[in-house]
Amino acid sequence: MAIYGGHMEYIDNNNDYIEKIVKILKEHPEGLSINEIAKALKVHRHTVVKYIYQLIGLDLLCQRKIGPVKLCYLKRNDSKVPK
């Protein structure tokens, strides 16, 4: 367990969220909005944004803006994507 900014958080939760987001996006190759991912995970959208940015930084995910919504997709080259 680690403490960040007065909040207690389990380090293992980080990988769990990333794995869950990847799994959800594999099931929805058409892409999902951050709100849709948050609803599926039953977490706040700000939590999802944190992990979406990590996945973008790892070059596993991309976003496409359609009107006011950003759709999240897994990159086509999924040799990096965890199984």
C-alpha atoms as a PDB file:
ATOM      1  CA  MET A   1       0.000   0.000   0.000  1.00  0.00           C
ATOM      2  CA  ALA A   2       1.249   3.494  -0.816  1.00  0.00           C
ATOM      3  CA  ILE A   3       0.135   6.913   0.340  1.00  0.00           C
ATOM      4  CA  TYR A   4      -0.108   9.696  -2.249  1.00  0.00           C
ATOM      5  CA  GLY A   5      -1.201  13.192  -1.298  1.00  0.00           C
ATOM      6  CA  GLY A   6      -2.955  11.969   1.832  1.00  0.00           C
ATOM      7  CA  HIS A   7      -4.813   9.217  -0.023  1.00  0.00           C
ATOM      8  CA  MET A   8      -4.170   5.563   0.612  1.00  0.00           C
ATOM      9  CA  GLU A   9      -4.073   3.534  -2.555  1.00  0.00           C
ATOM     10  CA  TYR A  10      -3.073  -0.018  -3.356  1.00  0.00           C
ATOM     11  CA  ILE A  11      -0.339  -0.106  -5.967  1.00  0.00           C
ATOM     12  CA  ASP A  12      -1.827  -3.279  -7.465  1.00  0.00           C
ATOM     13  CA  ASN A  13      -4.992  -1.337  -8.341  1.00  0.00           C
ATOM     14  CA  ASN A  14      -3.051   0.584 -11.014  1.00  0.00           C
ATOM     15  CA  ASN A  15      -2.347  -2.545 -13.037  1.00  0.00           C
ATOM     16  CA  ASP A  16      -5.877  -3.823 -12.431  1.00  0.00           C
ATOM     17  CA  TYR A  17      -7.397  -0.689 -13.930  1.00  0.00           C
ATOM     18  CA  ILE A  18      -5.059  -0.766 -16.917  1.00  0.00           C
ATOM     19  CA  GLU A  19      -5.826  -4.442 -17.562  1.00  0.00           C
ATOM     20  CA  LYS A  20      -9.565  -3.814 -17.233  1.00  0.00           C
ATOM     21  CA  ILE A  21      -9.452  -0.848 -19.623  1.00  0.00           C
ATOM     22  CA  VAL A  22      -7.504  -2.899 -22.180  1.00  0.00           C
ATOM     23  CA  LYS A  23      -9.988  -5.771 -21.837  1.00  0.00           C
ATOM     24  CA  ILE A  24     -12.981  -3.451 -22.309  1.00  0.00           C
ATOM     25  CA  LEU A  25     -11.411  -1.811 -25.367  1.00  0.00           C
ATOM     26  CA  LYS A  26     -10.599  -5.222 -26.889  1.00  0.00           C
ATOM     27  CA  GLU A  27     -14.313  -6.018 -26.608  1.00  0.00           C
ATOM     28  CA  HIS A  28     -15.193  -2.703 -28.313  1.00  0.00           C
ATOM     29  CA  PRO A  29     -12.884  -2.182 -31.312  1.00  0.00           C
ATOM     30  CA  GLU A  30     -15.181   0.632 -32.498  1.00  0.00           C
ATOM     31  CA  GLY A  31     -13.876   2.665 -29.538  1.00  0.00           C
ATOM     32  CA  LEU A  32     -15.435   3.958 -26.337  1.00  0.00           C
ATOM     33  CA  SER A  33     -15.639   7.339 -24.680  1.00  0.00           C
ATOM     34  CA  ILE A  34     -14.019   7.957 -21.323  1.00  0.00           C
ATOM     35  CA  ASN A  35     -17.483   8.168 -19.755  1.00  0.00           C
ATOM     36  CA  GLU A  36     -18.448   4.786 -21.214  1.00  0.00           C
ATOM     37  CA  ILE A  37     -15.266   3.200 -19.865  1.00  0.00           C
ATOM     38  CA  ALA A  38     -15.845   4.806 -16.460  1.00  0.00           C
ATOM     39  CA  LYS A  39     -19.413   3.496 -16.381  1.00  0.00           C
ATOM     40  CA  ALA A  40     -18.235  -0.025 -17.259  1.00  0.00           C
ATOM     41  CA  LEU A  41     -15.594   0.066 -14.502  1.00  0.00           C
ATOM     42  CA  LYS A  42     -17.890   1.842 -12.021  1.00  0.00           C
ATOM     43  CA  VAL A  43     -15.268   4.507 -11.286  1.00  0.00           C
ATOM     44  CA  HIS A  44     -15.084   8.271 -11.754  1.00  0.00           C
ATOM     45  CA  ARG A  45     -14.108   9.501 -15.211  1.00  0.00           C
ATOM     46  CA  HIS A  46     -11.044  11.281 -13.755  1.00  0.00           C
ATOM     47  CA  THR A  47      -9.709   7.891 -12.650  1.00  0.00           C
ATOM     48  CA  VAL A  48     -10.141   6.561 -16.182  1.00  0.00           C
ATOM     49  CA  VAL A  49      -8.418   9.618 -17.705  1.00  0.00           C
ATOM     50  CA  LYS A  50      -5.359   8.961 -15.524  1.00  0.00           C
ATOM     51  CA  TYR A  51      -4.955   5.447 -16.916  1.00  0.00           C
ATOM     52  CA  ILE A  52      -5.892   6.432 -20.473  1.00  0.00           C
ATOM     53  CA  TYR A  53      -2.966   8.890 -20.466  1.00  0.00           C
ATOM     54  CA  GLN A  54      -0.664   6.141 -19.186  1.00  0.00           C
ATOM     55  CA  LEU A  55      -1.789   3.835 -22.005  1.00  0.00           C
ATOM     56  CA  ILE A  56      -1.271   6.607 -24.562  1.00  0.00           C
ATOM     57  CA  GLY A  57       2.230   7.153 -23.147  1.00  0.00           C
ATOM     58  CA  LEU A  58       2.935   3.427 -23.538  1.00  0.00           C
ATOM     59  CA  ASP A  59       1.791   3.719 -27.178  1.00  0.00           C
ATOM     60  CA  LEU A  60      -0.984   1.158 -26.606  1.00  0.00           C
ATOM     61  CA  LEU A  61      -3.947   3.436 -27.118  1.00  0.00           C
ATOM     62  CA  CYS A  62      -5.011   6.342 -29.288  1.00  0.00           C
ATOM     63  CA  GLN A  63      -7.882   8.816 -29.126  1.00  0.00           C
ATOM     64  CA  ARG A  64      -9.984  10.340 -31.876  1.00  0.00           C
ATOM     65  CA  LYS A  65     -12.134  13.396 -31.316  1.00  0.00           C
ATOM     66  CA  ILE A  66     -15.638  13.163 -32.741  1.00  0.00           C
ATOM     67  CA  GLY A  67     -17.557  16.310 -31.880  1.00  0.00           C
ATOM     68  CA  PRO A  68     -17.293  16.891 -28.133  1.00  0.00           C
ATOM     69  CA  VAL A  69     -16.331  13.252 -27.428  1.00  0.00           C
ATOM     70  CA  LYS A  70     -12.915  11.587 -27.524  1.00  0.00           C
ATOM     71  CA  LEU A  71     -13.145   7.929 -28.480  1.00  0.00           C
ATOM     72  CA  CYS A  72     -10.436   5.631 -27.152  1.00  0.00           C
ATOM     73  CA  TYR A  73      -9.089   2.760 -29.253  1.00  0.00           C
ATOM     74  CA  LEU A  74      -6.385   0.181 -28.812  1.00  0.00           C
ATOM     75  CA  LYS A  75      -3.632   0.586 -31.374  1.00  0.00           C
ATOM     76  CA  ARG A  76      -3.791  -1.934 -34.217  1.00  0.00           C
ATOM     77  CA  ASN A  77      -0.316  -3.252 -33.480  1.00  0.00           C
ATOM     78  CA  ASP A  78      -1.250  -5.195 -30.383  1.00  0.00           C
ATOM     79  CA  SER A  79       2.096  -6.939 -29.931  1.00  0.00           C
ATOM     80  CA  LYS A  80       2.569  -4.567 -26.976  1.00  0.00           C
ATOM     81  CA  VAL A  81      -0.951  -5.033 -25.612  1.00  0.00           C
ATOM     82  CA  PRO A  82      -1.077  -7.346 -22.597  1.00  0.00           C
ATOM     83  CA  LYS A  83      -3.097 -10.530 -23.214  1.00  0.00           C
END
